[in-house]
Amino acid sequence: MKVWIPHQAGLSLMGELPPDVTVEVFEHADRMPSDAADVRVWVPPFLGGSDGTALLRELPDVAVVQLLSAGADAWAGRTPPGVTLCDARGVHDPSTAEWVVTAILAQLRAFPAFVRAQAERRWAYEGNTPTDELTGKRVLIVGAGSIGTAVRDRLAPFEVSFTLVARTARPEQGVHGVEELPRLLPEADVVVVIVPLTDQTRGLIDKDFLAAMPDGALLVNAARGPVAQTEALVAELATGRIAAALDVTDPEPLPADSPLWAMPNVLLTPHVAGSVRGLLPRAYRLVGDQVRRFAAGQPLINTVVDGY
């Protein structure tokens, strides 16, 4: 049985595999490492995008596509019948949650303004203090999956209060349904959006969503760019009424002429929440586990159903 992975480092990170498993490194789409026949498990490149789905036509025996990303939006609905699609749920929890906490603290404590002042060699105490603070904030987390839970756990020491929202309510866990957002948004100081991109979540952050946020609130989008309607986002942020921290935009890369670049109330990073040094060790532990499960005929984990 053949397994193709995109990183040389993965060979030593997967752990012990059954003797009949051959792992090959497939780094370049235009140069396959061997005959594509007998490739049963394929791991596409991280953030490879929907272009990678075209390669499935050249892998006649593939049975499992194991993604290295937590989101499966570029792949869901594009795999042939009989191919199991799995995401990397859990792999990106620590790094994305760290980014969210960092972004919230940076915005509330005015770090972007201080960084701009540093570049100008200007002591910027006056005009930037007192800053806001995280302590005591009401945090609404839209997306109560594994990353949303990791965000909650890392924010808990800051003495904040939480409200979690999911696709469907889970009253026994204190999780609200997405239909409750119009009631919940006006009560939130910080709104963290960490939902997968699906037909249901595309454009979730629209004019009404933003208008429901109270004055001075902070929007944090660590999901996918198209979860927000860019035109509505730009219009609301241009008023200065609310602030935002965005790791994702629509489109990506963000065009140089986008007004978002110059807005003092916007913190932008180029989709880096999951791009950390610990990614590959965590990712290939999952890949190794999945390969062993598949070889033994055991159920796979993290299978994608209806885009989740």
C-alpha atoms as a PDB file:
ATOM      1  CA  MET A   1       0.000   0.000   0.000  1.00  0.00           C
ATOM      2  CA  LYS A   2       1.341   3.409  -0.972  1.00  0.00           C
ATOM      3  CA  VAL A   3       0.992   6.634   0.965  1.00  0.00           C
ATOM      4  CA  TRP A   4       1.987   9.990  -0.540  1.00  0.00           C
ATOM      5  CA  ILE A   5       2.847  12.908   1.753  1.00  0.00           C
ATOM      6  CA  PRO A   6       4.020  16.453   0.895  1.00  0.00           C
ATOM      7  CA  HIS A   7       6.885  16.850   3.393  1.00  0.00           C
ATOM      8  CA  GLN A   8      10.200  15.017   3.682  1.00  0.00           C
ATOM      9  CA  ALA A   9      10.077  15.621   7.425  1.00  0.00           C
ATOM     10  CA  GLY A  10       6.884  13.601   7.616  1.00  0.00           C
ATOM     11  CA  LEU A  11       8.798  10.369   7.008  1.00  0.00           C
ATOM     12  CA  SER A  12      10.276  10.492  10.497  1.00  0.00           C
ATOM     13  CA  LEU A  13       7.222  11.948  12.225  1.00  0.00           C
ATOM     14  CA  MET A  14       4.571   9.349  11.445  1.00  0.00           C
ATOM     15  CA  GLY A  15       5.770   6.690  13.868  1.00  0.00           C
ATOM     16  CA  GLU A  16       6.019   2.990  13.122  1.00  0.00           C
ATOM     17  CA  LEU A  17       3.896   1.822  10.209  1.00  0.00           C
ATOM     18  CA  PRO A  18       2.907  -1.679   9.033  1.00  0.00           C
ATOM     19  CA  PRO A  19       5.607  -3.367   6.915  1.00  0.00           C
ATOM     20  CA  ASP A  20       3.437  -3.400   3.780  1.00  0.00           C
ATOM     21  CA  VAL A  21       3.071   0.412   3.807  1.00  0.00           C
ATOM     22  CA  THR A  22       5.343   2.439   1.524  1.00  0.00           C
ATOM     23  CA  VAL A  23       5.510   6.178   2.150  1.00  0.00           C
ATOM     24  CA  GLU A  24       6.729   8.483  -0.608  1.00  0.00           C
ATOM     25  CA  VAL A  25       7.188  12.238  -0.672  1.00  0.00           C
ATOM     26  CA  PHE A  26       5.073  14.002  -3.296  1.00  0.00           C
ATOM     27  CA  GLU A  27       6.163  17.648  -3.076  1.00  0.00           C
ATOM     28  CA  HIS A  28       5.668  18.874  -6.645  1.00  0.00           C
ATOM     29  CA  ALA A  29       2.407  18.474  -8.541  1.00  0.00           C
ATOM     30  CA  ASP A  30       4.241  18.171 -11.858  1.00  0.00           C
ATOM     31  CA  ARG A  31       6.598  15.422 -10.676  1.00  0.00           C
ATOM     32  CA  MET A  32       5.089  12.300  -9.146  1.00  0.00           C
ATOM     33  CA  PRO A  33       7.503  10.185  -7.087  1.00  0.00           C
ATOM     34  CA  SER A  34       6.399   6.909  -8.716  1.00  0.00           C
ATOM     35  CA  ASP A  35       3.507   5.266 -10.536  1.00  0.00           C
ATOM     36  CA  ALA A  36       0.255   6.602  -9.078  1.00  0.00           C
ATOM     37  CA  ALA A  37      -1.238   3.118  -8.990  1.00  0.00           C
ATOM     38  CA  ASP A  38      -1.619   1.656  -5.512  1.00  0.00           C
ATOM     39  CA  VAL A  39      -1.628   5.059  -3.813  1.00  0.00           C
ATOM     40  CA  ARG A  40      -4.302   4.459  -1.215  1.00  0.00           C
ATOM     41  CA  VAL A  41      -3.747   7.427   1.130  1.00  0.00           C
ATOM     42  CA  TRP A  42      -2.854  10.892  -0.136  1.00  0.00           C
ATOM     43  CA  VAL A  43      -1.917  13.863   2.034  1.00  0.00           C
ATOM     44  CA  PRO A  44      -2.157  17.067  -0.054  1.00  0.00           C
ATOM     45  CA  PRO A  45       0.020  20.093   0.747  1.00  0.00           C
ATOM     46  CA  PHE A  46      -1.050  22.356   3.601  1.00  0.00           C
ATOM     47  CA  LEU A  47      -3.147  25.260   2.246  1.00  0.00           C
ATOM     48  CA  GLY A  48      -2.894  23.709  -1.205  1.00  0.00           C
ATOM     49  CA  GLY A  49      -6.321  25.018  -2.149  1.00  0.00           C
ATOM     50  CA  SER A  50      -8.905  23.578  -4.505  1.00  0.00           C
ATOM     51  CA  ASP A  51      -6.349  23.125  -7.310  1.00  0.00           C
ATOM     52  CA  GLY A  52      -5.208  19.965  -5.583  1.00  0.00           C
ATOM     53  CA  THR A  53      -8.530  18.268  -6.189  1.00  0.00           C
ATOM     54  CA  ALA A  54      -7.680  18.014  -9.887  1.00  0.00           C
ATOM     55  CA  LEU A  55      -4.879  15.586  -9.004  1.00  0.00           C
ATOM     56  CA  LEU A  56      -7.410  13.102  -7.697  1.00  0.00           C
ATOM     57  CA  ARG A  57      -8.142  12.125 -11.303  1.00  0.00           C
ATOM     58  CA  GLU A  58      -4.563  10.885 -11.558  1.00  0.00           C
ATOM     59  CA  LEU A  59      -4.788   8.717  -8.439  1.00  0.00           C
ATOM     60  CA  PRO A  60      -7.046   5.853  -9.540  1.00  0.00           C
ATOM     61  CA  ASP A  61      -6.739   3.777  -6.365  1.00  0.00           C
ATOM     62  CA  VAL A  62      -6.829   6.488  -3.711  1.00  0.00           C
ATOM     63  CA  ALA A  63      -9.246   5.714  -0.880  1.00  0.00           C
ATOM     64  CA  VAL A  64      -8.374   8.367   1.701  1.00  0.00           C
ATOM     65  CA  VAL A  65      -7.498  12.047   1.376  1.00  0.00           C
ATOM     66  CA  GLN A  66      -6.071  13.281   4.676  1.00  0.00           C
ATOM     67  CA  LEU A  67      -5.893  17.069   4.821  1.00  0.00           C
ATOM     68  CA  LEU A  68      -3.381  18.983   6.921  1.00  0.00           C
ATOM     69  CA  SER A  69      -5.851  21.856   7.393  1.00  0.00           C
ATOM     70  CA  ALA A  70      -8.677  22.056   9.894  1.00  0.00           C
ATOM     71  CA  GLY A  71     -11.005  23.439   7.218  1.00  0.00           C
ATOM     72  CA  ALA A  72     -12.148  21.246   4.355  1.00  0.00           C
ATOM     73  CA  ASP A  73     -13.982  23.884   2.312  1.00  0.00           C
ATOM     74  CA  ALA A  74     -11.662  23.549  -0.711  1.00  0.00           C
ATOM     75  CA  TRP A  75     -12.298  19.782  -0.841  1.00  0.00           C
ATOM     76  CA  ALA A  76     -15.767  19.057   0.493  1.00  0.00           C
ATOM     77  CA  GLY A  77     -18.016  17.838  -2.303  1.00  0.00           C
ATOM     78  CA  ARG A  78     -15.101  17.526  -4.757  1.00  0.00           C
ATOM     79  CA  THR A  79     -13.838  14.041  -3.926  1.00  0.00           C
ATOM     80  CA  PRO A  80     -14.985  11.094  -6.061  1.00  0.00           C
ATOM     81  CA  PRO A  81     -17.420   8.515  -4.672  1.00  0.00           C
ATOM     82  CA  GLY A  82     -15.663   5.989  -2.490  1.00  0.00           C
ATOM     83  CA  VAL A  83     -12.951   8.418  -1.344  1.00  0.00           C
ATOM     84  CA  THR A  84     -13.012   9.327   2.348  1.00  0.00           C
ATOM     85  CA  LEU A  85     -12.074  12.916   3.115  1.00  0.00           C
ATOM     86  CA  CYS A  86     -10.544  13.637   6.532  1.00  0.00           C
ATOM     87  CA  ASP A  87      -9.507  16.968   7.999  1.00  0.00           C
ATOM     88  CA  ALA A  88      -6.864  17.829  10.598  1.00  0.00           C
ATOM     89  CA  ARG A  89      -9.262  18.591  13.418  1.00  0.00           C
ATOM     90  CA  GLY A  90      -7.273  19.090  16.605  1.00  0.00           C
ATOM     91  CA  VAL A  91      -3.940  19.745  14.914  1.00  0.00           C
ATOM     92  CA  HIS A  92      -4.421  23.512  14.728  1.00  0.00           C
ATOM     93  CA  ASP A  93      -6.153  24.051  18.063  1.00  0.00           C
ATOM     94  CA  PRO A  94      -3.103  25.357  19.972  1.00  0.00           C
ATOM     95  CA  SER A  95      -1.738  27.624  17.248  1.00  0.00           C
ATOM     96  CA  THR A  96      -5.047  29.154  16.178  1.00  0.00           C
ATOM     97  CA  ALA A  97      -6.148  29.691  19.771  1.00  0.00           C
ATOM     98  CA  GLU A  98      -2.800  31.400  20.459  1.00  0.00           C
ATOM     99  CA  TRP A  99      -3.339  33.678  17.475  1.00  0.00           C
ATOM    100  CA  VAL A 100      -6.811  34.620  18.708  1.00  0.00           C
ATOM    101  CA  VAL A 101      -5.575  35.454  22.199  1.00  0.00           C
ATOM    102  CA  THR A 102      -2.631  37.408  20.771  1.00  0.00           C
ATOM    103  CA  ALA A 103      -4.863  39.356  18.385  1.00  0.00           C
ATOM    104  CA  ILE A 104      -7.369  40.239  21.098  1.00  0.00           C
ATOM    105  CA  LEU A 105      -4.692  41.439  23.490  1.00  0.00           C
ATOM    106  CA  ALA A 106      -2.846  43.342  20.776  1.00  0.00           C
ATOM    107  CA  GLN A 107      -5.948  45.254  19.741  1.00  0.00           C
ATOM    108  CA  LEU A 108      -7.279  45.940  23.211  1.00  0.00           C
ATOM    109  CA  ARG A 109      -3.871  47.100  24.492  1.00  0.00           C
ATOM    110  CA  ALA A 110      -3.258  49.255  21.373  1.00  0.00           C
ATOM    111  CA  PHE A 111      -0.123  47.424  20.243  1.00  0.00           C
ATOM    112  CA  PRO A 112      -0.630  48.297  16.541  1.00  0.00           C
ATOM    113  CA  ALA A 113      -0.553  51.996  17.449  1.00  0.00           C
ATOM    114  CA  PHE A 114       2.596  51.499  19.517  1.00  0.00           C
ATOM    115  CA  VAL A 115       4.285  49.547  16.716  1.00  0.00           C
ATOM    116  CA  ARG A 116       3.544  52.381  14.286  1.00  0.00           C
ATOM    117  CA  ALA A 117       4.940  54.854  16.795  1.00  0.00           C
ATOM    118  CA  GLN A 118       8.069  52.732  17.258  1.00  0.00           C
ATOM    119  CA  ALA A 119       8.682  52.805  13.512  1.00  0.00           C
ATOM    120  CA  GLU A 120       8.522  56.609  13.763  1.00  0.00           C
ATOM    121  CA  ARG A 121      10.782  56.666  16.888  1.00  0.00           C
ATOM    122  CA  ARG A 122       7.965  58.404  18.717  1.00  0.00           C
ATOM    123  CA  TRP A 123       7.132  57.973  22.428  1.00  0.00           C
ATOM    124  CA  ALA A 124       3.362  57.531  22.091  1.00  0.00           C
ATOM    125  CA  TYR A 125       2.070  57.553  25.661  1.00  0.00           C
ATOM    126  CA  GLU A 126      -0.126  60.573  25.154  1.00  0.00           C
ATOM    127  CA  GLY A 127      -3.088  59.847  22.952  1.00  0.00           C
ATOM    128  CA  ASN A 128      -2.923  56.060  23.379  1.00  0.00           C
ATOM    129  CA  THR A 129      -3.503  55.657  27.098  1.00  0.00           C
ATOM    130  CA  PRO A 130      -5.334  54.504  28.976  1.00  0.00           C
ATOM    131  CA  THR A 131      -5.763  51.459  26.761  1.00  0.00           C
ATOM    132  CA  ASP A 132      -8.606  48.997  26.955  1.00  0.00           C
ATOM    133  CA  GLU A 133      -8.115  45.648  28.733  1.00  0.00           C
ATOM    134  CA  LEU A 134      -9.266  42.057  28.360  1.00  0.00           C
ATOM    135  CA  THR A 135     -10.123  41.525  32.022  1.00  0.00           C
ATOM    136  CA  GLY A 136     -13.873  41.431  32.549  1.00  0.00           C
ATOM    137  CA  LYS A 137     -14.805  41.357  28.865  1.00  0.00           C
ATOM    138  CA  ARG A 138     -17.829  39.459  27.550  1.00  0.00           C
ATOM    139  CA  VAL A 139     -16.538  37.115  24.839  1.00  0.00           C
ATOM    140  CA  LEU A 140     -18.831  35.529  22.256  1.00  0.00           C
ATOM    141  CA  ILE A 141     -17.238  32.570  20.439  1.00  0.00           C
ATOM    142  CA  VAL A 142     -19.057  31.704  17.215  1.00  0.00           C
ATOM    143  CA  GLY A 143     -17.920  28.157  16.483  1.00  0.00           C
ATOM    144  CA  ALA A 144     -17.926  25.781  19.434  1.00  0.00           C
ATOM    145  CA  GLY A 145     -15.742  23.073  17.896  1.00  0.00           C
ATOM    146  CA  SER A 146     -12.292  22.006  19.015  1.00  0.00           C
ATOM    147  CA  ILE A 147     -10.617  25.329  18.133  1.00  0.00           C
ATOM    148  CA  GLY A 148     -13.401  27.357  19.738  1.00  0.00           C
ATOM    149  CA  THR A 149     -13.036  25.281  22.892  1.00  0.00           C
ATOM    150  CA  ALA A 150      -9.263  25.835  22.842  1.00  0.00           C
ATOM    151  CA  VAL A 151      -9.843  29.588  22.539  1.00  0.00           C
ATOM    152  CA  ARG A 152     -12.181  29.513  25.531  1.00  0.00           C
ATOM    153  CA  ASP A 153      -9.687  27.554  27.632  1.00  0.00           C
ATOM    154  CA  ARG A 154      -6.845  29.972  26.873  1.00  0.00           C
ATOM    155  CA  LEU A 155      -8.959  33.046  27.555  1.00  0.00           C
ATOM    156  CA  ALA A 156     -10.358  31.719  30.834  1.00  0.00           C
ATOM    157  CA  PRO A 157      -7.466  33.000  33.023  1.00  0.00           C
ATOM    158  CA  PHE A 158      -8.255  36.560  31.913  1.00  0.00           C
ATOM    159  CA  GLU A 159     -11.434  36.642  34.003  1.00  0.00           C
ATOM    160  CA  VAL A 160     -13.746  36.987  31.035  1.00  0.00           C
ATOM    161  CA  SER A 161     -17.266  35.647  30.627  1.00  0.00           C
ATOM    162  CA  PHE A 162     -18.117  33.370  27.718  1.00  0.00           C
ATOM    163  CA  THR A 163     -21.002  32.635  25.408  1.00  0.00           C
ATOM    164  CA  LEU A 164     -20.493  29.845  22.863  1.00  0.00           C
ATOM    165  CA  VAL A 165     -22.494  29.433  19.656  1.00  0.00           C
ATOM    166  CA  ALA A 166     -22.642  26.414  17.343  1.00  0.00           C
ATOM    167  CA  ARG A 167     -24.566  25.344  14.263  1.00  0.00           C
ATOM    168  CA  THR A 168     -27.139  23.744  16.563  1.00  0.00           C
ATOM    169  CA  ALA A 169     -27.743  24.440  20.238  1.00  0.00           C
ATOM    170  CA  ARG A 170     -26.380  22.051  22.865  1.00  0.00           C
ATOM    171  CA  PRO A 171     -28.245  23.191  25.989  1.00  0.00           C
ATOM    172  CA  GLU A 172     -26.671  20.518  28.169  1.00  0.00           C
ATOM    173  CA  GLN A 173     -23.270  22.052  27.386  1.00  0.00           C
ATOM    174  CA  GLY A 174     -24.394  25.659  27.565  1.00  0.00           C
ATOM    175  CA  VAL A 175     -23.925  26.141  23.807  1.00  0.00           C
ATOM    176  CA  HIS A 176     -26.377  28.350  21.921  1.00  0.00           C
ATOM    177  CA  GLY A 177     -27.603  27.892  18.360  1.00  0.00           C
ATOM    178  CA  VAL A 178     -26.549  30.216  15.533  1.00  0.00           C
ATOM    179  CA  GLU A 179     -30.126  31.467  15.196  1.00  0.00           C
ATOM    180  CA  GLU A 180     -29.657  33.206  18.560  1.00  0.00           C
ATOM    181  CA  LEU A 181     -26.901  35.505  17.268  1.00  0.00           C
ATOM    182  CA  PRO A 182     -29.149  38.585  16.811  1.00  0.00           C
ATOM    183  CA  ARG A 183     -29.891  38.439  20.541  1.00  0.00           C
ATOM    184  CA  LEU A 184     -26.363  37.564  21.668  1.00  0.00           C
ATOM    185  CA  LEU A 185     -24.250  39.945  19.570  1.00  0.00           C
ATOM    186  CA  PRO A 186     -25.371  43.174  21.314  1.00  0.00           C
ATOM    187  CA  GLU A 187     -24.129  41.743  24.630  1.00  0.00           C
ATOM    188  CA  ALA A 188     -20.596  40.898  23.435  1.00  0.00           C
ATOM    189  CA  ASP A 189     -17.457  43.011  23.856  1.00  0.00           C
ATOM    190  CA  VAL A 190     -15.364  40.594  21.789  1.00  0.00           C
ATOM    191  CA  VAL A 191     -16.767  38.371  19.012  1.00  0.00           C
ATOM    192  CA  VAL A 192     -14.510  35.523  17.895  1.00  0.00           C
ATOM    193  CA  VAL A 193     -15.560  33.760  14.694  1.00  0.00           C
ATOM    194  CA  ILE A 194     -13.997  30.337  14.185  1.00  0.00           C
ATOM    195  CA  VAL A 195     -16.507  28.434  12.047  1.00  0.00           C
ATOM    196  CA  PRO A 196     -15.740  26.265   9.003  1.00  0.00           C
ATOM    197  CA  LEU A 197     -16.644  27.692   5.614  1.00  0.00           C
ATOM    198  CA  THR A 198     -19.814  26.009   4.377  1.00  0.00           C
ATOM    199  CA  ASP A 199     -22.857  27.080   2.397  1.00  0.00           C
ATOM    200  CA  GLN A 200     -24.485  27.953   5.731  1.00  0.00           C
ATOM    201  CA  THR A 201     -21.607  30.077   7.070  1.00  0.00           C
ATOM    202  CA  ARG A 202     -20.607  31.884   3.870  1.00  0.00           C
ATOM    203  CA  GLY A 203     -21.407  35.550   4.424  1.00  0.00           C
ATOM    204  CA  LEU A 204     -22.395  34.985   8.053  1.00  0.00           C
ATOM    205  CA  ILE A 205     -20.690  38.245   9.042  1.00  0.00           C
ATOM    206  CA  ASP A 206     -22.964  40.548   7.099  1.00  0.00           C
ATOM    207  CA  LYS A 207     -24.349  44.047   7.557  1.00  0.00           C
ATOM    208  CA  ASP A 208     -26.885  42.937  10.164  1.00  0.00           C
ATOM    209  CA  PHE A 209     -24.317  40.894  12.096  1.00  0.00           C
ATOM    210  CA  LEU A 210     -21.948  43.863  12.303  1.00  0.00           C
ATOM    211  CA  ALA A 211     -24.694  46.358  13.117  1.00  0.00           C
ATOM    212  CA  ALA A 212     -25.757  44.192  16.051  1.00  0.00           C
ATOM    213  CA  MET A 213     -22.326  44.472  17.676  1.00  0.00           C
ATOM    214  CA  PRO A 214     -22.175  47.236  20.310  1.00  0.00           C
ATOM    215  CA  ASP A 215     -20.064  50.354  19.955  1.00  0.00           C
ATOM    216  CA  GLY A 216     -16.434  49.670  20.789  1.00  0.00           C
ATOM    217  CA  ALA A 217     -16.686  45.917  20.248  1.00  0.00           C
ATOM    218  CA  LEU A 218     -13.913  43.863  18.668  1.00  0.00           C
ATOM    219  CA  LEU A 219     -14.486  41.366  15.846  1.00  0.00           C
ATOM    220  CA  VAL A 220     -11.902  38.585  15.492  1.00  0.00           C
ATOM    221  CA  ASN A 221     -12.073  36.461  12.336  1.00  0.00           C
ATOM    222  CA  ALA A 222      -9.845  33.378  12.410  1.00  0.00           C
ATOM    223  CA  ALA A 223     -12.198  31.322  10.249  1.00  0.00           C
ATOM    224  CA  ARG A 224     -12.152  31.856   6.487  1.00  0.00           C
ATOM    225  CA  GLY A 225     -12.327  35.096   4.537  1.00  0.00           C
ATOM    226  CA  PRO A 226     -15.664  34.430   2.815  1.00  0.00           C
ATOM    227  CA  VAL A 227     -17.366  33.918   6.185  1.00  0.00           C
ATOM    228  CA  ALA A 228     -17.442  37.727   6.154  1.00  0.00           C
ATOM    229  CA  GLN A 229     -19.020  39.846   3.445  1.00  0.00           C
ATOM    230  CA  THR A 230     -16.089  42.083   2.567  1.00  0.00           C
ATOM    231  CA  GLU A 231     -18.148  45.049   1.408  1.00  0.00           C
ATOM    232  CA  ALA A 232     -20.173  45.076   4.627  1.00  0.00           C
ATOM    233  CA  LEU A 233     -17.031  44.620   6.712  1.00  0.00           C
ATOM    234  CA  VAL A 234     -15.225  47.524   5.061  1.00  0.00           C
ATOM    235  CA  ALA A 235     -18.260  49.791   5.372  1.00  0.00           C
ATOM    236  CA  GLU A 236     -18.756  49.109   9.089  1.00  0.00           C
ATOM    237  CA  LEU A 237     -15.078  49.338  10.014  1.00  0.00           C
ATOM    238  CA  ALA A 238     -14.723  52.594   8.084  1.00  0.00           C
ATOM    239  CA  THR A 239     -17.068  54.250  10.578  1.00  0.00           C
ATOM    240  CA  GLY A 240     -14.625  53.460  13.408  1.00  0.00           C
ATOM    241  CA  ARG A 241     -17.534  52.245  15.539  1.00  0.00           C
ATOM    242  CA  ILE A 242     -16.006  48.787  16.033  1.00  0.00           C
ATOM    243  CA  ALA A 243     -12.543  47.278  15.567  1.00  0.00           C
ATOM    244  CA  ALA A 244     -11.338  44.052  13.974  1.00  0.00           C
ATOM    245  CA  ALA A 245      -8.483  41.571  14.011  1.00  0.00           C
ATOM    246  CA  LEU A 246      -8.407  39.560  10.795  1.00  0.00           C
ATOM    247  CA  ASP A 247      -6.214  36.607   9.910  1.00  0.00           C
ATOM    248  CA  VAL A 248      -8.345  35.876   6.847  1.00  0.00           C
ATOM    249  CA  THR A 249      -9.794  38.041   4.101  1.00  0.00           C
ATOM    250  CA  ASP A 250     -11.775  37.691   0.912  1.00  0.00           C
ATOM    251  CA  PRO A 251      -9.948  37.610  -1.409  1.00  0.00           C
ATOM    252  CA  GLU A 252      -6.548  36.323  -0.321  1.00  0.00           C
ATOM    253  CA  PRO A 253      -4.017  37.785  -0.683  1.00  0.00           C
ATOM    254  CA  LEU A 254      -5.759  41.023   0.167  1.00  0.00           C
ATOM    255  CA  PRO A 255      -5.339  43.479  -2.751  1.00  0.00           C
ATOM    256  CA  ALA A 256      -2.997  46.380  -2.080  1.00  0.00           C
ATOM    257  CA  ASP A 257      -5.786  48.875  -2.751  1.00  0.00           C
ATOM    258  CA  SER A 258      -8.129  47.443  -0.111  1.00  0.00           C
ATOM    259  CA  PRO A 259      -9.184  50.101   2.422  1.00  0.00           C
ATOM    260  CA  LEU A 260      -8.619  47.570   5.217  1.00  0.00           C
ATOM    261  CA  TRP A 261      -4.836  48.053   5.029  1.00  0.00           C
ATOM    262  CA  ALA A 262      -4.981  51.671   6.166  1.00  0.00           C
ATOM    263  CA  MET A 263      -7.668  51.479   8.831  1.00  0.00           C
ATOM    264  CA  PRO A 264      -6.196  52.200  12.286  1.00  0.00           C
ATOM    265  CA  ASN A 265      -8.874  50.034  13.933  1.00  0.00           C
ATOM    266  CA  VAL A 266      -7.921  46.919  11.914  1.00  0.00           C
ATOM    267  CA  LEU A 267      -5.166  44.433  12.705  1.00  0.00           C
ATOM    268  CA  LEU A 268      -4.286  42.259   9.686  1.00  0.00           C
ATOM    269  CA  THR A 269      -2.167  39.113   9.475  1.00  0.00           C
ATOM    270  CA  PRO A 270      -1.749  37.043   6.272  1.00  0.00           C
ATOM    271  CA  HIS A 271      -3.555  33.807   7.234  1.00  0.00           C
ATOM    272  CA  VAL A 272      -0.804  32.684   9.593  1.00  0.00           C
ATOM    273  CA  ALA A 273      -2.722  31.321  12.595  1.00  0.00           C
ATOM    274  CA  GLY A 274      -1.828  27.708  11.780  1.00  0.00           C
ATOM    275  CA  SER A 275       1.638  28.297  10.329  1.00  0.00           C
ATOM    276  CA  VAL A 276       3.824  27.464  13.314  1.00  0.00           C
ATOM    277  CA  ARG A 277       6.861  25.273  13.928  1.00  0.00           C
ATOM    278  CA  GLY A 278       4.797  22.714  15.800  1.00  0.00           C
ATOM    279  CA  LEU A 279       2.479  22.106  12.856  1.00  0.00           C
ATOM    280  CA  LEU A 280       4.286  19.215  11.177  1.00  0.00           C
ATOM    281  CA  PRO A 281       4.894  17.098  14.297  1.00  0.00           C
ATOM    282  CA  ARG A 282       1.226  17.374  15.282  1.00  0.00           C
ATOM    283  CA  ALA A 283      -0.007  16.881  11.724  1.00  0.00           C
ATOM    284  CA  TYR A 284       2.059  13.795  11.008  1.00  0.00           C
ATOM    285  CA  ARG A 285       1.132  12.160  14.294  1.00  0.00           C
ATOM    286  CA  LEU A 286      -2.413  12.333  12.960  1.00  0.00           C
ATOM    287  CA  VAL A 287      -1.369  11.083   9.506  1.00  0.00           C
ATOM    288  CA  GLY A 288       0.502   8.131  11.019  1.00  0.00           C
ATOM    289  CA  ASP A 289      -2.499   7.255  13.169  1.00  0.00           C
ATOM    290  CA  GLN A 290      -4.829   7.403  10.164  1.00  0.00           C
ATOM    291  CA  VAL A 291      -2.543   5.203   8.042  1.00  0.00           C
ATOM    292  CA  ARG A 292      -2.370   2.584  10.801  1.00  0.00           C
ATOM    293  CA  ARG A 293      -6.153   2.703  11.167  1.00  0.00           C
ATOM    294  CA  PHE A 294      -6.684   2.325   7.437  1.00  0.00           C
ATOM    295  CA  ALA A 295      -4.187  -0.524   7.109  1.00  0.00           C
ATOM    296  CA  ALA A 296      -5.889  -2.372   9.973  1.00  0.00           C
ATOM    297  CA  GLY A 297      -9.379  -1.815   8.571  1.00  0.00           C
ATOM    298  CA  GLN A 298     -10.361   0.358  11.533  1.00  0.00           C
ATOM    299  CA  PRO A 299     -12.636   3.409  11.338  1.00  0.00           C
ATOM    300  CA  LEU A 300     -10.887   6.667  10.474  1.00  0.00           C
ATOM    301  CA  ILE A 301     -11.237   9.787  12.596  1.00  0.00           C
ATOM    302  CA  ASN A 302     -11.927  13.359  11.475  1.00  0.00           C
ATOM    303  CA  THR A 303     -14.037  12.270   8.508  1.00  0.00           C
ATOM    304  CA  VAL A 304     -15.695  15.230   6.792  1.00  0.00           C
ATOM    305  CA  VAL A 305     -19.489  15.096   6.509  1.00  0.00           C
ATOM    306  CA  ASP A 306     -21.521  17.986   5.065  1.00  0.00           C
ATOM    307  CA  GLY A 307     -18.427  20.188   5.018  1.00  0.00           C
ATOM    308  CA  TYR A 308     -17.589  19.638   8.701  1.00  0.00           C
END
